[in-house]
């Protein structure tokens, strides 16, 4: 997003398994978040107290932590505890369109058109993702790749046979790409 929005600051970008395609990567965990928060009277404050006293977070707790972090990033609400409001009803799971719209304003897979001018100014764009990403980020990466192709924006897209975990070795591909792009 920084490269898309601020081509005046960034000359090139590399995106490894970046969060995009929000409806796939975030909404598939809604039921986990709701089930975990239900154990704490659907209260983020009570959940946080339980988390702080837990010796080891459960898988459900980790789903909540991730969703809270994303809510704080994509749609902060200073009027709520810790500035966090989830984009759906905590009882039914129904999306709140006005809140979800704020999230989507940060989804790179949806923003290629809006930032096409900035993207064209970059000296290089490298995007990759594992084809078995457990957060389904490969679908958003494919969508962004397709949009960049449609817009005629030069970029490198690589999908590799792996998941989201321990893929630092992919920097062996992106760092030389960035060096070459920046040297021009």
C-alpha atoms as a PDB file:
ATOM      1  CA  UNK A   1       0.000   0.000   0.000  1.00  0.00           C
ATOM      2  CA  UNK A   2       2.850   2.391   0.723  1.00  0.00           C
ATOM      3  CA  UNK A   3       4.238   1.988  -2.779  1.00  0.00           C
ATOM      4  CA  UNK A   4       0.782   2.251  -4.350  1.00  0.00           C
ATOM      5  CA  UNK A   5      -0.118   5.384  -2.429  1.00  0.00           C
ATOM      6  CA  UNK A   6       3.268   7.095  -2.196  1.00  0.00           C
ATOM      7  CA  UNK A   7       5.230   6.767  -5.406  1.00  0.00           C
ATOM      8  CA  UNK A   8       6.738  10.125  -4.453  1.00  0.00           C
ATOM      9  CA  UNK A   9       8.507   8.375  -1.557  1.00  0.00           C
ATOM     10  CA  UNK A  10       9.001   4.796  -2.784  1.00  0.00           C
ATOM     11  CA  UNK A  11      10.828   4.084  -6.050  1.00  0.00           C
ATOM     12  CA  UNK A  12      10.070   0.348  -6.218  1.00  0.00           C
ATOM     13  CA  UNK A  13       8.237  -2.239  -4.182  1.00  0.00           C
ATOM     14  CA  UNK A  14       8.262  -5.907  -3.283  1.00  0.00           C
ATOM     15  CA  UNK A  15       5.246  -7.581  -1.760  1.00  0.00           C
ATOM     16  CA  UNK A  16       5.644 -11.049  -0.258  1.00  0.00           C
ATOM     17  CA  UNK A  17       2.336 -12.740   0.559  1.00  0.00           C
ATOM     18  CA  UNK A  18       0.725  -9.386   1.210  1.00  0.00           C
ATOM     19  CA  UNK A  19      -2.735  -9.031   2.698  1.00  0.00           C
ATOM     20  CA  UNK A  20      -5.156  -8.569  -0.180  1.00  0.00           C
ATOM     21  CA  UNK A  21      -8.409 -10.069  -1.279  1.00  0.00           C
ATOM     22  CA  UNK A  22      -9.816  -9.179   2.128  1.00  0.00           C
ATOM     23  CA  UNK A  23     -13.127 -10.993   1.744  1.00  0.00           C
ATOM     24  CA  UNK A  24     -11.201 -14.255   1.396  1.00  0.00           C
ATOM     25  CA  UNK A  25      -8.326 -13.722   3.801  1.00  0.00           C
ATOM     26  CA  UNK A  26     -10.261 -12.177   6.686  1.00  0.00           C
ATOM     27  CA  UNK A  27     -13.876 -13.208   6.486  1.00  0.00           C
ATOM     28  CA  UNK A  28     -13.101 -16.942   6.560  1.00  0.00           C
ATOM     29  CA  UNK A  29     -12.066 -16.524  10.229  1.00  0.00           C
ATOM     30  CA  UNK A  30     -15.174 -14.653  11.377  1.00  0.00           C
ATOM     31  CA  UNK A  31     -16.707 -17.764  12.925  1.00  0.00           C
ATOM     32  CA  UNK A  32     -13.522 -18.472  14.902  1.00  0.00           C
ATOM     33  CA  UNK A  33     -13.465 -14.905  16.203  1.00  0.00           C
ATOM     34  CA  UNK A  34     -17.151 -14.975  17.126  1.00  0.00           C
ATOM     35  CA  UNK A  35     -16.823 -18.327  18.900  1.00  0.00           C
ATOM     36  CA  UNK A  36     -13.822 -17.143  20.895  1.00  0.00           C
ATOM     37  CA  UNK A  37     -15.347 -13.777  21.816  1.00  0.00           C
ATOM     38  CA  UNK A  38     -18.560 -15.534  22.904  1.00  0.00           C
ATOM     39  CA  UNK A  39     -16.487 -17.157  25.682  1.00  0.00           C
ATOM     40  CA  UNK A  40     -15.819 -13.608  26.955  1.00  0.00           C
ATOM     41  CA  UNK A  41     -19.346 -12.152  26.732  1.00  0.00           C
ATOM     42  CA  UNK A  42     -18.514 -10.849  23.240  1.00  0.00           C
ATOM     43  CA  UNK A  43     -16.290  -8.252  24.876  1.00  0.00           C
ATOM     44  CA  UNK A  44     -12.920  -7.289  23.438  1.00  0.00           C
ATOM     45  CA  UNK A  45     -11.925  -5.918  26.846  1.00  0.00           C
ATOM     46  CA  UNK A  46     -12.743  -9.202  28.621  1.00  0.00           C
ATOM     47  CA  UNK A  47     -11.017 -11.156  25.867  1.00  0.00           C
ATOM     48  CA  UNK A  48      -7.850  -9.067  26.288  1.00  0.00           C
ATOM     49  CA  UNK A  49      -7.861  -9.654  30.053  1.00  0.00           C
ATOM     50  CA  UNK A  50      -8.159 -13.404  29.473  1.00  0.00           C
ATOM     51  CA  UNK A  51      -5.401 -13.311  26.862  1.00  0.00           C
ATOM     52  CA  UNK A  52      -3.061 -11.478  29.218  1.00  0.00           C
ATOM     53  CA  UNK A  53      -3.579 -14.092  31.926  1.00  0.00           C
ATOM     54  CA  UNK A  54      -3.288 -17.071  29.561  1.00  0.00           C
ATOM     55  CA  UNK A  55       0.034 -18.936  29.602  1.00  0.00           C
ATOM     56  CA  UNK A  56      -0.333 -19.765  25.903  1.00  0.00           C
ATOM     57  CA  UNK A  57      -2.850 -18.356  23.417  1.00  0.00           C
ATOM     58  CA  UNK A  58      -5.129 -20.886  21.774  1.00  0.00           C
ATOM     59  CA  UNK A  59      -5.761 -21.049  18.039  1.00  0.00           C
ATOM     60  CA  UNK A  60      -9.053 -19.235  18.625  1.00  0.00           C
ATOM     61  CA  UNK A  61      -7.294 -16.518  20.586  1.00  0.00           C
ATOM     62  CA  UNK A  62      -4.790 -16.066  17.777  1.00  0.00           C
ATOM     63  CA  UNK A  63      -7.640 -15.616  15.274  1.00  0.00           C
ATOM     64  CA  UNK A  64      -9.081 -12.873  17.496  1.00  0.00           C
ATOM     65  CA  UNK A  65      -5.694 -11.184  17.915  1.00  0.00           C
ATOM     66  CA  UNK A  66      -5.210 -11.122  14.151  1.00  0.00           C
ATOM     67  CA  UNK A  67      -8.677  -9.696  13.528  1.00  0.00           C
ATOM     68  CA  UNK A  68      -8.258  -7.079  16.255  1.00  0.00           C
ATOM     69  CA  UNK A  69      -4.926  -6.003  14.795  1.00  0.00           C
ATOM     70  CA  UNK A  70      -6.441  -5.689  11.340  1.00  0.00           C
ATOM     71  CA  UNK A  71      -9.416  -3.735  12.720  1.00  0.00           C
ATOM     72  CA  UNK A  72      -7.053  -1.337  14.459  1.00  0.00           C
ATOM     73  CA  UNK A  73      -5.150  -0.888  11.198  1.00  0.00           C
ATOM     74  CA  UNK A  74      -7.925  -0.666   8.621  1.00  0.00           C
ATOM     75  CA  UNK A  75     -10.757   0.941  10.587  1.00  0.00           C
ATOM     76  CA  UNK A  76      -9.655   2.387  13.940  1.00  0.00           C
ATOM     77  CA  UNK A  77     -12.400   3.783  16.132  1.00  0.00           C
ATOM     78  CA  UNK A  78     -11.143   5.930  19.032  1.00  0.00           C
ATOM     79  CA  UNK A  79     -14.541   5.700  20.736  1.00  0.00           C
ATOM     80  CA  UNK A  80     -14.076   1.957  21.375  1.00  0.00           C
ATOM     81  CA  UNK A  81     -11.877   0.019  23.796  1.00  0.00           C
ATOM     82  CA  UNK A  82      -8.302   0.150  22.428  1.00  0.00           C
ATOM     83  CA  UNK A  83      -9.732   1.948  19.394  1.00  0.00           C
ATOM     84  CA  UNK A  84     -10.972  -1.348  17.959  1.00  0.00           C
ATOM     85  CA  UNK A  85     -14.352  -2.115  16.430  1.00  0.00           C
ATOM     86  CA  UNK A  86     -14.836  -5.286  14.397  1.00  0.00           C
ATOM     87  CA  UNK A  87     -16.570  -4.904  11.024  1.00  0.00           C
ATOM     88  CA  UNK A  88     -19.373  -7.334  11.825  1.00  0.00           C
ATOM     89  CA  UNK A  89     -22.052  -7.988  14.393  1.00  0.00           C
ATOM     90  CA  UNK A  90     -20.566  -9.981  17.268  1.00  0.00           C
ATOM     91  CA  UNK A  91     -23.718 -12.053  17.690  1.00  0.00           C
ATOM     92  CA  UNK A  92     -24.777 -12.829  14.098  1.00  0.00           C
ATOM     93  CA  UNK A  93     -21.548 -12.266  12.162  1.00  0.00           C
ATOM     94  CA  UNK A  94     -23.345  -9.981   9.716  1.00  0.00           C
ATOM     95  CA  UNK A  95     -21.029  -7.486   8.049  1.00  0.00           C
ATOM     96  CA  UNK A  96     -21.537  -3.838   8.865  1.00  0.00           C
ATOM     97  CA  UNK A  97     -21.246  -2.295   5.390  1.00  0.00           C
ATOM     98  CA  UNK A  98     -20.073   1.112   6.622  1.00  0.00           C
ATOM     99  CA  UNK A  99     -17.248  -0.512   8.626  1.00  0.00           C
ATOM    100  CA  UNK A 100     -16.281  -3.078   5.961  1.00  0.00           C
ATOM    101  CA  UNK A 101     -16.070  -0.292   3.364  1.00  0.00           C
ATOM    102  CA  UNK A 102     -13.277   1.256   5.454  1.00  0.00           C
ATOM    103  CA  UNK A 103     -11.365  -2.030   5.366  1.00  0.00           C
ATOM    104  CA  UNK A 104     -11.748  -2.381   1.611  1.00  0.00           C
ATOM    105  CA  UNK A 105     -10.216   1.061   1.140  1.00  0.00           C
ATOM    106  CA  UNK A 106      -6.918  -0.657   2.118  1.00  0.00           C
ATOM    107  CA  UNK A 107      -7.221  -3.796  -0.042  1.00  0.00           C
ATOM    108  CA  UNK A 108      -4.504  -3.619  -2.719  1.00  0.00           C
ATOM    109  CA  UNK A 109      -6.386  -6.110  -4.904  1.00  0.00           C
ATOM    110  CA  UNK A 110      -9.148  -3.525  -5.314  1.00  0.00           C
ATOM    111  CA  UNK A 111      -7.015  -0.414  -5.753  1.00  0.00           C
ATOM    112  CA  UNK A 112      -4.922  -0.863  -8.901  1.00  0.00           C
ATOM    113  CA  UNK A 113      -7.238   1.414 -10.901  1.00  0.00           C
ATOM    114  CA  UNK A 114      -7.221   4.130  -8.256  1.00  0.00           C
ATOM    115  CA  UNK A 115      -3.431   4.173  -7.957  1.00  0.00           C
ATOM    116  CA  UNK A 116      -2.511   3.258 -11.542  1.00  0.00           C
ATOM    117  CA  UNK A 117      -0.647   6.528 -12.053  1.00  0.00           C
ATOM    118  CA  UNK A 118       1.497   5.952  -8.989  1.00  0.00           C
ATOM    119  CA  UNK A 119       2.130   2.324  -9.908  1.00  0.00           C
ATOM    120  CA  UNK A 120       3.316   3.342 -13.377  1.00  0.00           C
ATOM    121  CA  UNK A 121       5.847   5.728 -11.787  1.00  0.00           C
ATOM    122  CA  UNK A 122       7.562   2.936  -9.853  1.00  0.00           C
ATOM    123  CA  UNK A 123      10.798   1.557 -11.254  1.00  0.00           C
ATOM    124  CA  UNK A 124       9.821  -1.986 -10.316  1.00  0.00           C
ATOM    125  CA  UNK A 125       6.987  -3.993  -8.791  1.00  0.00           C
ATOM    126  CA  UNK A 126       7.583  -7.509  -7.464  1.00  0.00           C
ATOM    127  CA  UNK A 127       4.689  -9.545  -6.079  1.00  0.00           C
ATOM    128  CA  UNK A 128       4.825 -13.137  -4.925  1.00  0.00           C
ATOM    129  CA  UNK A 129       2.810 -15.552  -2.837  1.00  0.00           C
ATOM    130  CA  UNK A 130       2.774 -19.234  -2.022  1.00  0.00           C
ATOM    131  CA  UNK A 131       0.192 -21.249  -3.948  1.00  0.00           C
ATOM    132  CA  UNK A 132      -0.863 -22.908  -0.679  1.00  0.00           C
ATOM    133  CA  UNK A 133      -1.023 -19.812   1.515  1.00  0.00           C
ATOM    134  CA  UNK A 134      -3.043 -20.790   4.580  1.00  0.00           C
ATOM    135  CA  UNK A 135      -4.541 -17.294   4.747  1.00  0.00           C
ATOM    136  CA  UNK A 136      -5.663 -17.576   1.082  1.00  0.00           C
ATOM    137  CA  UNK A 137      -3.547 -14.573   0.140  1.00  0.00           C
ATOM    138  CA  UNK A 138      -2.644 -16.148  -3.201  1.00  0.00           C
ATOM    139  CA  UNK A 139      -6.150 -15.393  -4.472  1.00  0.00           C
ATOM    140  CA  UNK A 140      -5.758 -11.687  -3.725  1.00  0.00           C
ATOM    141  CA  UNK A 141      -2.260 -11.687  -5.254  1.00  0.00           C
ATOM    142  CA  UNK A 142      -3.641 -13.306  -8.400  1.00  0.00           C
ATOM    143  CA  UNK A 143      -6.353 -10.661  -8.546  1.00  0.00           C
ATOM    144  CA  UNK A 144      -3.842  -7.813  -8.217  1.00  0.00           C
ATOM    145  CA  UNK A 145      -1.609  -9.441 -10.853  1.00  0.00           C
ATOM    146  CA  UNK A 146      -4.561  -9.694 -13.242  1.00  0.00           C
ATOM    147  CA  UNK A 147      -5.504  -6.040 -12.638  1.00  0.00           C
ATOM    148  CA  UNK A 148      -1.948  -4.857 -13.225  1.00  0.00           C
ATOM    149  CA  UNK A 149      -1.875  -6.833 -16.482  1.00  0.00           C
ATOM    150  CA  UNK A 150      -5.225  -5.342 -17.512  1.00  0.00           C
ATOM    151  CA  UNK A 151      -3.906  -1.839 -16.835  1.00  0.00           C
ATOM    152  CA  UNK A 152      -0.650  -2.528 -18.678  1.00  0.00           C
ATOM    153  CA  UNK A 153       1.440  -1.863 -15.567  1.00  0.00           C
ATOM    154  CA  UNK A 154       4.826  -3.587 -15.694  1.00  0.00           C
ATOM    155  CA  UNK A 155       5.411  -5.944 -12.787  1.00  0.00           C
ATOM    156  CA  UNK A 156       6.833  -9.317 -11.872  1.00  0.00           C
ATOM    157  CA  UNK A 157       4.456 -11.854 -10.364  1.00  0.00           C
ATOM    158  CA  UNK A 158       5.656 -15.179  -8.996  1.00  0.00           C
ATOM    159  CA  UNK A 159       3.615 -17.866  -7.340  1.00  0.00           C
ATOM    160  CA  UNK A 160       5.647 -20.572  -5.632  1.00  0.00           C
ATOM    161  CA  UNK A 161       4.855 -24.001  -4.213  1.00  0.00           C
ATOM    162  CA  UNK A 162       4.716 -23.200  -0.504  1.00  0.00           C
ATOM    163  CA  UNK A 163       2.513 -21.681   2.174  1.00  0.00           C
ATOM    164  CA  UNK A 164       2.756 -18.467   4.225  1.00  0.00           C
ATOM    165  CA  UNK A 165       5.232 -19.704   6.822  1.00  0.00           C
ATOM    166  CA  UNK A 166       9.016 -19.317   6.798  1.00  0.00           C
ATOM    167  CA  UNK A 167       9.302 -17.992   3.271  1.00  0.00           C
ATOM    168  CA  UNK A 168      12.180 -15.604   3.918  1.00  0.00           C
ATOM    169  CA  UNK A 169      14.083 -17.471   1.195  1.00  0.00           C
ATOM    170  CA  UNK A 170      11.883 -15.627  -1.310  1.00  0.00           C
ATOM    171  CA  UNK A 171      13.954 -12.520  -0.640  1.00  0.00           C
ATOM    172  CA  UNK A 172      16.609 -14.246  -2.745  1.00  0.00           C
ATOM    173  CA  UNK A 173      14.277 -13.365  -5.635  1.00  0.00           C
ATOM    174  CA  UNK A 174      12.975  -9.946  -4.600  1.00  0.00           C
ATOM    175  CA  UNK A 175      16.131  -8.263  -3.336  1.00  0.00           C
ATOM    176  CA  UNK A 176      18.082  -8.758  -6.603  1.00  0.00           C
ATOM    177  CA  UNK A 177      14.966  -7.592  -8.458  1.00  0.00           C
ATOM    178  CA  UNK A 178      14.824  -4.418  -6.357  1.00  0.00           C
ATOM    179  CA  UNK A 179      18.550  -3.781  -6.703  1.00  0.00           C
ATOM    180  CA  UNK A 180      18.317  -4.006 -10.494  1.00  0.00           C
ATOM    181  CA  UNK A 181      15.199  -1.805 -10.591  1.00  0.00           C
ATOM    182  CA  UNK A 182      16.720   0.851  -8.366  1.00  0.00           C
ATOM    183  CA  UNK A 183      20.012   0.936 -10.262  1.00  0.00           C
ATOM    184  CA  UNK A 184      17.915   1.463 -13.391  1.00  0.00           C
END
